[in-house]
Amino acid sequence: MRFQIEKRGGQRLTVRPEFTHVGEHRIIGSSEWTGAEGRREVRYQVLTIENDQIVDMQGCGTLRDAERFARRATR
């Protein structure tokens, strides 16, 4: 990660994570940051939790995709 930051000019990243509880065992996590070019980037992950541990993580490109996956996975 350090290499990628230095490659992009060594700018500091400000990451703003957010988490939304979906269903009994699912959480949607999102991370937002500003890239070196000044472009806002957001990534979404659907986490499945069992016994206080992450047992599965699915990356999604949009919040809508993450919500759809979380709903489908809880059925």
PDB file of N, CA and C in Angstrom:
ATOM      1  N   MET A   1       0.833  -1.187   0.000  1.00  0.00           N
ATOM      2  CA  MET A   1       0.000   0.000   0.000  1.00  0.00           C
ATOM      3  C   MET A   1       0.879   1.252   0.000  1.00  0.00           C
ATOM      4  N   ARG A   2       1.948   1.198   0.755  1.00  0.00           N
ATOM      5  CA  ARG A   2       2.853   2.353   0.806  1.00  0.00           C
ATOM      6  C   ARG A   2       3.375   2.679  -0.593  1.00  0.00           C
ATOM      7  N   PHE A   3       3.725   1.630  -1.364  1.00  0.00           N
ATOM      8  CA  PHE A   3       4.211   1.844  -2.726  1.00  0.00           C
ATOM      9  C   PHE A   3       3.163   2.566  -3.568  1.00  0.00           C
ATOM     10  N   GLN A   4       1.903   2.128  -3.472  1.00  0.00           N
ATOM     11  CA  GLN A   4       0.834   2.744  -4.255  1.00  0.00           C
ATOM     12  C   GLN A   4       0.641   4.210  -3.882  1.00  0.00           C
ATOM     13  N   ILE A   5       0.752   4.527  -2.596  1.00  0.00           N
ATOM     14  CA  ILE A   5       0.610   5.923  -2.158  1.00  0.00           C
ATOM     15  C   ILE A   5       1.752   6.761  -2.715  1.00  0.00           C
ATOM     16  N   GLU A   6       2.988   6.253  -2.595  1.00  0.00           N
ATOM     17  CA  GLU A   6       4.144   6.987  -3.106  1.00  0.00           C
ATOM     18  C   GLU A   6       4.075   7.120  -4.621  1.00  0.00           C
ATOM     19  N   LYS A   7       3.593   6.079  -5.294  1.00  0.00           N
ATOM     20  CA  LYS A   7       3.457   6.107  -6.755  1.00  0.00           C
ATOM     21  C   LYS A   7       2.509   7.215  -7.195  1.00  0.00           C
ATOM     22  N   ARG A   8       1.532   7.507  -6.387  1.00  0.00           N
ATOM     23  CA  ARG A   8       0.543   8.536  -6.711  1.00  0.00           C
ATOM     24  C   ARG A   8       0.908   9.899  -6.142  1.00  0.00           C
ATOM     25  N   GLY A   9       2.149  10.081  -5.793  1.00  0.00           N
ATOM     26  CA  GLY A   9       2.595  11.398  -5.354  1.00  0.00           C
ATOM     27  C   GLY A   9       2.739  11.530  -3.852  1.00  0.00           C
ATOM     28  N   GLY A  10       2.566  10.463  -3.102  1.00  0.00           N
ATOM     29  CA  GLY A  10       2.767  10.513  -1.666  1.00  0.00           C
ATOM     30  C   GLY A  10       1.714  11.299  -0.910  1.00  0.00           C
ATOM     31  N   GLN A  11       0.595  11.578  -1.522  1.00  0.00           N
ATOM     32  CA  GLN A  11      -0.453  12.328  -0.837  1.00  0.00           C
ATOM     33  C   GLN A  11      -1.081  11.476   0.247  1.00  0.00           C
ATOM     34  N   ARG A  12      -1.473  12.123   1.315  1.00  0.00           N
ATOM     35  CA  ARG A  12      -2.144  11.408   2.392  1.00  0.00           C
ATOM     36  C   ARG A  12      -3.572  11.088   1.971  1.00  0.00           C
ATOM     37  N   LEU A  13      -3.997   9.913   2.331  1.00  0.00           N
ATOM     38  CA  LEU A  13      -5.369   9.501   2.052  1.00  0.00           C
ATOM     39  C   LEU A  13      -6.211   9.723   3.287  1.00  0.00           C
ATOM     40  N   THR A  14      -7.388  10.240   3.097  1.00  0.00           N
ATOM     41  CA  THR A  14      -8.351  10.346   4.175  1.00  0.00           C
ATOM     42  C   THR A  14      -9.453   9.347   3.875  1.00  0.00           C
ATOM     43  N   VAL A  15      -9.496   8.293   4.662  1.00  0.00           N
ATOM     44  CA  VAL A  15     -10.479   7.237   4.449  1.00  0.00           C
ATOM     45  C   VAL A  15     -11.609   7.422   5.452  1.00  0.00           C
ATOM     46  N   ARG A  16     -12.838   7.369   4.959  1.00  0.00           N
ATOM     47  CA  ARG A  16     -14.019   7.514   5.813  1.00  0.00           C
ATOM     48  C   ARG A  16     -14.849   6.240   5.722  1.00  0.00           C
ATOM     49  N   PRO A  17     -14.609   5.279   6.619  1.00  0.00           N
ATOM     50  CA  PRO A  17     -15.404   4.043   6.570  1.00  0.00           C
ATOM     51  C   PRO A  17     -16.776   4.230   7.209  1.00  0.00           C
ATOM     52  N   GLU A  18     -17.754   3.528   6.686  1.00  0.00           N
ATOM     53  CA  GLU A  18     -19.106   3.510   7.256  1.00  0.00           C
ATOM     54  C   GLU A  18     -19.605   2.071   7.210  1.00  0.00           C
ATOM     55  N   PHE A  19     -20.447   1.709   8.196  1.00  0.00           N
ATOM     56  CA  PHE A  19     -20.973   0.357   8.262  1.00  0.00           C
ATOM     57  C   PHE A  19     -22.471   0.405   8.495  1.00  0.00           C
ATOM     58  N   THR A  20     -23.209  -0.464   7.787  1.00  0.00           N
ATOM     59  CA  THR A  20     -24.659  -0.553   7.925  1.00  0.00           C
ATOM     60  C   THR A  20     -25.019  -2.010   8.184  1.00  0.00           C
ATOM     61  N   HIS A  21     -25.736  -2.263   9.272  1.00  0.00           N
ATOM     62  CA  HIS A  21     -26.152  -3.619   9.620  1.00  0.00           C
ATOM     63  C   HIS A  21     -27.337  -4.003   8.744  1.00  0.00           C
ATOM     64  N   VAL A  22     -27.225  -5.126   8.038  1.00  0.00           N
ATOM     65  CA  VAL A  22     -28.282  -5.593   7.142  1.00  0.00           C
ATOM     66  C   VAL A  22     -28.585  -7.039   7.511  1.00  0.00           C
ATOM     67  N   GLY A  23     -29.756  -7.303   8.011  1.00  0.00           N
ATOM     68  CA  GLY A  23     -30.087  -8.664   8.419  1.00  0.00           C
ATOM     69  C   GLY A  23     -29.373  -9.051   9.698  1.00  0.00           C
ATOM     70  N   GLU A  24     -29.508 -10.309  10.042  1.00  0.00           N
ATOM     71  CA  GLU A  24     -28.958 -10.774  11.314  1.00  0.00           C
ATOM     72  C   GLU A  24     -27.445 -10.946  11.291  1.00  0.00           C
ATOM     73  N   HIS A  25     -26.896 -11.372  10.150  1.00  0.00           N
ATOM     74  CA  HIS A  25     -25.471 -11.689  10.087  1.00  0.00           C
ATOM     75  C   HIS A  25     -24.733 -10.959   8.970  1.00  0.00           C
ATOM     76  N   ARG A  26     -25.290  -9.874   8.432  1.00  0.00           N
ATOM     77  CA  ARG A  26     -24.662  -9.169   7.314  1.00  0.00           C
ATOM     78  C   ARG A  26     -24.432  -7.702   7.654  1.00  0.00           C
ATOM     79  N   ILE A  27     -23.300  -7.207   7.180  1.00  0.00           N
ATOM     80  CA  ILE A  27     -22.944  -5.799   7.339  1.00  0.00           C
ATOM     81  C   ILE A  27     -22.443  -5.305   5.986  1.00  0.00           C
ATOM     82  N   ILE A  28     -22.902  -4.128   5.582  1.00  0.00           N
ATOM     83  CA  ILE A  28     -22.358  -3.485   4.388  1.00  0.00           C
ATOM     84  C   ILE A  28     -21.372  -2.436   4.878  1.00  0.00           C
ATOM     85  N   GLY A  29     -20.137  -2.575   4.432  1.00  0.00           N
ATOM     86  CA  GLY A  29     -19.108  -1.600   4.770  1.00  0.00           C
ATOM     87  C   GLY A  29     -18.757  -0.792   3.539  1.00  0.00           C
ATOM     88  N   SER A  30     -18.500   0.476   3.729  1.00  0.00           N
ATOM     89  CA  SER A  30     -18.073   1.303   2.599  1.00  0.00           C
ATOM     90  C   SER A  30     -16.869   2.127   3.031  1.00  0.00           C
ATOM     91  N   SER A  31     -15.989   2.346   2.080  1.00  0.00           N
ATOM     92  CA  SER A  31     -14.811   3.178   2.312  1.00  0.00           C
ATOM     93  C   SER A  31     -14.772   4.234   1.224  1.00  0.00           C
ATOM     94  N   GLU A  32     -14.570   5.467   1.632  1.00  0.00           N
ATOM     95  CA  GLU A  32     -14.523   6.583   0.681  1.00  0.00           C
ATOM     96  C   GLU A  32     -13.211   7.320   0.867  1.00  0.00           C
ATOM     97  N   TRP A  33     -12.574   7.662  -0.236  1.00  0.00           N
ATOM     98  CA  TRP A  33     -11.350   8.434  -0.162  1.00  0.00           C
ATOM     99  C   TRP A  33     -11.196   9.248  -1.428  1.00  0.00           C
ATOM    100  N   THR A  34     -10.274  10.175  -1.393  1.00  0.00           N
ATOM    101  CA  THR A  34      -9.965  10.991  -2.556  1.00  0.00           C
ATOM    102  C   THR A  34      -8.639  10.514  -3.115  1.00  0.00           C
ATOM    103  N   GLY A  35      -8.636  10.139  -4.362  1.00  0.00           N
ATOM    104  CA  GLY A  35      -7.428   9.647  -5.003  1.00  0.00           C
ATOM    105  C   GLY A  35      -6.463  10.771  -5.316  1.00  0.00           C
ATOM    106  N   ALA A  36      -5.295  10.397  -5.830  1.00  0.00           N
ATOM    107  CA  ALA A  36      -4.243  11.373  -6.120  1.00  0.00           C
ATOM    108  C   ALA A  36      -4.682  12.403  -7.150  1.00  0.00           C
ATOM    109  N   GLU A  37      -5.545  12.008  -8.067  1.00  0.00           N
ATOM    110  CA  GLU A  37      -6.017  12.938  -9.095  1.00  0.00           C
ATOM    111  C   GLU A  37      -7.150  13.827  -8.589  1.00  0.00           C
ATOM    112  N   GLY A  38      -7.499  13.682  -7.305  1.00  0.00           N
ATOM    113  CA  GLY A  38      -8.580  14.468  -6.733  1.00  0.00           C
ATOM    114  C   GLY A  38      -9.948  13.864  -6.961  1.00  0.00           C
ATOM    115  N   ARG A  39      -9.973  12.648  -7.496  1.00  0.00           N
ATOM    116  CA  ARG A  39     -11.235  11.974  -7.782  1.00  0.00           C
ATOM    117  C   ARG A  39     -11.702  11.187  -6.565  1.00  0.00           C
ATOM    118  N   ARG A  40     -12.983  11.322  -6.232  1.00  0.00           N
ATOM    119  CA  ARG A  40     -13.571  10.600  -5.101  1.00  0.00           C
ATOM    120  C   ARG A  40     -13.769   9.143  -5.496  1.00  0.00           C
ATOM    121  N   GLU A  41     -13.354   8.231  -4.617  1.00  0.00           N
ATOM    122  CA  GLU A  41     -13.519   6.806  -4.868  1.00  0.00           C
ATOM    123  C   GLU A  41     -14.241   6.169  -3.696  1.00  0.00           C
ATOM    124  N   VAL A  42     -15.154   5.257  -3.999  1.00  0.00           N
ATOM    125  CA  VAL A  42     -15.918   4.559  -2.970  1.00  0.00           C
ATOM    126  C   VAL A  42     -15.918   3.071  -3.310  1.00  0.00           C
ATOM    127  N   ARG A  43     -15.736   2.248  -2.310  1.00  0.00           N
ATOM    128  CA  ARG A  43     -15.811   0.800  -2.467  1.00  0.00           C
ATOM    129  C   ARG A  43     -16.765   0.248  -1.412  1.00  0.00           C
ATOM    130  N   TYR A  44     -17.485  -0.808  -1.758  1.00  0.00           N
ATOM    131  CA  TYR A  44     -18.463  -1.419  -0.855  1.00  0.00           C
ATOM    132  C   TYR A  44     -18.129  -2.897  -0.663  1.00  0.00           C
ATOM    133  N   GLN A  45     -18.307  -3.382   0.550  1.00  0.00           N
ATOM    134  CA  GLN A  45     -18.098  -4.780   0.873  1.00  0.00           C
ATOM    135  C   GLN A  45     -19.274  -5.280   1.697  1.00  0.00           C
ATOM    136  N   VAL A  46     -19.735  -6.497   1.392  1.00  0.00           N
ATOM    137  CA  VAL A  46     -20.770  -7.140   2.199  1.00  0.00           C
ATOM    138  C   VAL A  46     -20.059  -8.188   3.045  1.00  0.00           C
ATOM    139  N   LEU A  47     -20.117  -8.016   4.358  1.00  0.00           N
ATOM    140  CA  LEU A  47     -19.459  -8.923   5.290  1.00  0.00           C
ATOM    141  C   LEU A  47     -20.488  -9.853   5.911  1.00  0.00           C
ATOM    142  N   THR A  48     -20.161 -11.128   5.994  1.00  0.00           N
ATOM    143  CA  THR A  48     -20.993 -12.099   6.690  1.00  0.00           C
ATOM    144  C   THR A  48     -20.278 -12.447   7.985  1.00  0.00           C
ATOM    145  N   ILE A  49     -20.998 -12.310   9.095  1.00  0.00           N
ATOM    146  CA  ILE A  49     -20.425 -12.510  10.422  1.00  0.00           C
ATOM    147  C   ILE A  49     -21.054 -13.745  11.062  1.00  0.00           C
ATOM    148  N   GLU A  50     -20.224 -14.622  11.580  1.00  0.00           N
ATOM    149  CA  GLU A  50     -20.683 -15.775  12.370  1.00  0.00           C
ATOM    150  C   GLU A  50     -19.720 -15.970  13.522  1.00  0.00           C
ATOM    151  N   ASN A  51     -20.253 -16.165  14.707  1.00  0.00           N
ATOM    152  CA  ASN A  51     -19.435 -16.359  15.905  1.00  0.00           C
ATOM    153  C   ASN A  51     -18.413 -15.236  16.081  1.00  0.00           C
ATOM    154  N   ASP A  52     -18.857 -13.991  15.844  1.00  0.00           N
ATOM    155  CA  ASP A  52     -18.022 -12.802  16.000  1.00  0.00           C
ATOM    156  C   ASP A  52     -16.806 -12.773  15.084  1.00  0.00           C
ATOM    157  N   GLN A  53     -16.862 -13.462  13.948  1.00  0.00           N
ATOM    158  CA  GLN A  53     -15.772 -13.468  12.978  1.00  0.00           C
ATOM    159  C   GLN A  53     -16.331 -13.252  11.577  1.00  0.00           C
ATOM    160  N   ILE A  54     -15.541 -12.625  10.729  1.00  0.00           N
ATOM    161  CA  ILE A  54     -15.913 -12.465   9.325  1.00  0.00           C
ATOM    162  C   ILE A  54     -15.657 -13.795   8.633  1.00  0.00           C
ATOM    163  N   VAL A  55     -16.703 -14.392   8.082  1.00  0.00           N
ATOM    164  CA  VAL A  55     -16.561 -15.673   7.399  1.00  0.00           C
ATOM    165  C   VAL A  55     -16.663 -15.536   5.885  1.00  0.00           C
ATOM    166  N   ASP A  56     -17.138 -14.362   5.404  1.00  0.00           N
ATOM    167  CA  ASP A  56     -17.213 -14.132   3.967  1.00  0.00           C
ATOM    168  C   ASP A  56     -17.210 -12.634   3.721  1.00  0.00           C
ATOM    169  N   MET A  57     -16.588 -12.222   2.601  1.00  0.00           N
ATOM    170  CA  MET A  57     -16.584 -10.816   2.225  1.00  0.00           C
ATOM    171  C   MET A  57     -16.735 -10.745   0.711  1.00  0.00           C
ATOM    172  N   GLN A  58     -17.731  -9.989   0.265  1.00  0.00           N
ATOM    173  CA  GLN A  58     -18.011  -9.829  -1.156  1.00  0.00           C
ATOM    174  C   GLN A  58     -17.846  -8.361  -1.518  1.00  0.00           C
ATOM    175  N   GLY A  59     -16.984  -8.066  -2.467  1.00  0.00           N
ATOM    176  CA  GLY A  59     -16.800  -6.696  -2.932  1.00  0.00           C
ATOM    177  C   GLY A  59     -17.837  -6.332  -3.972  1.00  0.00           C
ATOM    178  N   CYS A  60     -18.329  -5.103  -3.921  1.00  0.00           N
ATOM    179  CA  CYS A  60     -19.344  -4.621  -4.858  1.00  0.00           C
ATOM    180  C   CYS A  60     -18.956  -3.221  -5.334  1.00  0.00           C
ATOM    181  N   GLY A  61     -19.294  -2.928  -6.581  1.00  0.00           N
ATOM    182  CA  GLY A  61     -18.936  -1.640  -7.160  1.00  0.00           C
ATOM    183  C   GLY A  61     -19.846  -0.493  -6.775  1.00  0.00           C
ATOM    184  N   THR A  62     -21.100  -0.819  -6.412  1.00  0.00           N
ATOM    185  CA  THR A  62     -22.043   0.236  -6.049  1.00  0.00           C
ATOM    186  C   THR A  62     -22.805  -0.169  -4.790  1.00  0.00           C
ATOM    187  N   LEU A  63     -23.373   0.816  -4.128  1.00  0.00           N
ATOM    188  CA  LEU A  63     -24.187   0.540  -2.948  1.00  0.00           C
ATOM    189  C   LEU A  63     -25.392  -0.309  -3.323  1.00  0.00           C
ATOM    190  N   ARG A  64     -25.983  -0.027  -4.458  1.00  0.00           N
ATOM    191  CA  ARG A  64     -27.149  -0.786  -4.908  1.00  0.00           C
ATOM    192  C   ARG A  64     -26.803  -2.267  -5.085  1.00  0.00           C
ATOM    193  N   ASP A  65     -25.638  -2.550  -5.682  1.00  0.00           N
ATOM    194  CA  ASP A  65     -25.198  -3.937  -5.838  1.00  0.00           C
ATOM    195  C   ASP A  65     -24.962  -4.592  -4.482  1.00  0.00           C
ATOM    196  N   ALA A  66     -24.371  -3.854  -3.547  1.00  0.00           N
ATOM    197  CA  ALA A  66     -24.101  -4.391  -2.209  1.00  0.00           C
ATOM    198  C   ALA A  66     -25.404  -4.709  -1.485  1.00  0.00           C
ATOM    199  N   GLU A  67     -26.378  -3.811  -1.576  1.00  0.00           N
ATOM    200  CA  GLU A  67     -27.666  -4.054  -0.928  1.00  0.00           C
ATOM    201  C   GLU A  67     -28.372  -5.261  -1.551  1.00  0.00           C
ATOM    202  N   ARG A  68     -28.308  -5.361  -2.865  1.00  0.00           N
ATOM    203  CA  ARG A  68     -28.926  -6.485  -3.564  1.00  0.00           C
ATOM    204  C   ARG A  68     -28.275  -7.812  -3.137  1.00  0.00           C
ATOM    205  N   PHE A  69     -26.943  -7.830  -3.083  1.00  0.00           N
ATOM    206  CA  PHE A  69     -26.247  -9.047  -2.672  1.00  0.00           C
ATOM    207  C   PHE A  69     -26.577  -9.409  -1.231  1.00  0.00           C
ATOM    208  N   ALA A  70     -26.615  -8.426  -0.342  1.00  0.00           N
ATOM    209  CA  ALA A  70     -26.892  -8.687   1.080  1.00  0.00           C
ATOM    210  C   ALA A  70     -28.297  -9.249   1.258  1.00  0.00           C
ATOM    211  N   ARG A  71     -29.271  -8.716   0.545  1.00  0.00           N
ATOM    212  CA  ARG A  71     -30.644  -9.224   0.632  1.00  0.00           C
ATOM    213  C   ARG A  71     -30.740 -10.635   0.079  1.00  0.00           C
ATOM    214  N   ARG A  72     -30.104 -10.880  -1.037  1.00  0.00           N
ATOM    215  CA  ARG A  72     -30.153 -12.199  -1.672  1.00  0.00           C
ATOM    216  C   ARG A  72     -29.452 -13.239  -0.792  1.00  0.00           C
ATOM    217  N   ALA A  73     -28.367 -12.859  -0.149  1.00  0.00           N
ATOM    218  CA  ALA A  73     -27.598 -13.786   0.677  1.00  0.00           C
ATOM    219  C   ALA A  73     -28.304 -14.111   1.998  1.00  0.00           C
ATOM    220  N   THR A  74     -29.204 -13.242   2.452  1.00  0.00           N
ATOM    221  CA  THR A  74     -29.882 -13.487   3.739  1.00  0.00           C
ATOM    222  C   THR A  74     -31.080 -14.407   3.605  1.00  0.00           C
ATOM    223  N   ARG A  75     -31.518 -14.693   2.407  1.00  0.00           N
ATOM    224  CA  ARG A  75     -32.682 -15.556   2.212  1.00  0.00           C
ATOM    225  C   ARG A  75     -32.346 -17.000   2.393  1.00  0.00           C
TER     226      ARG A  75
END
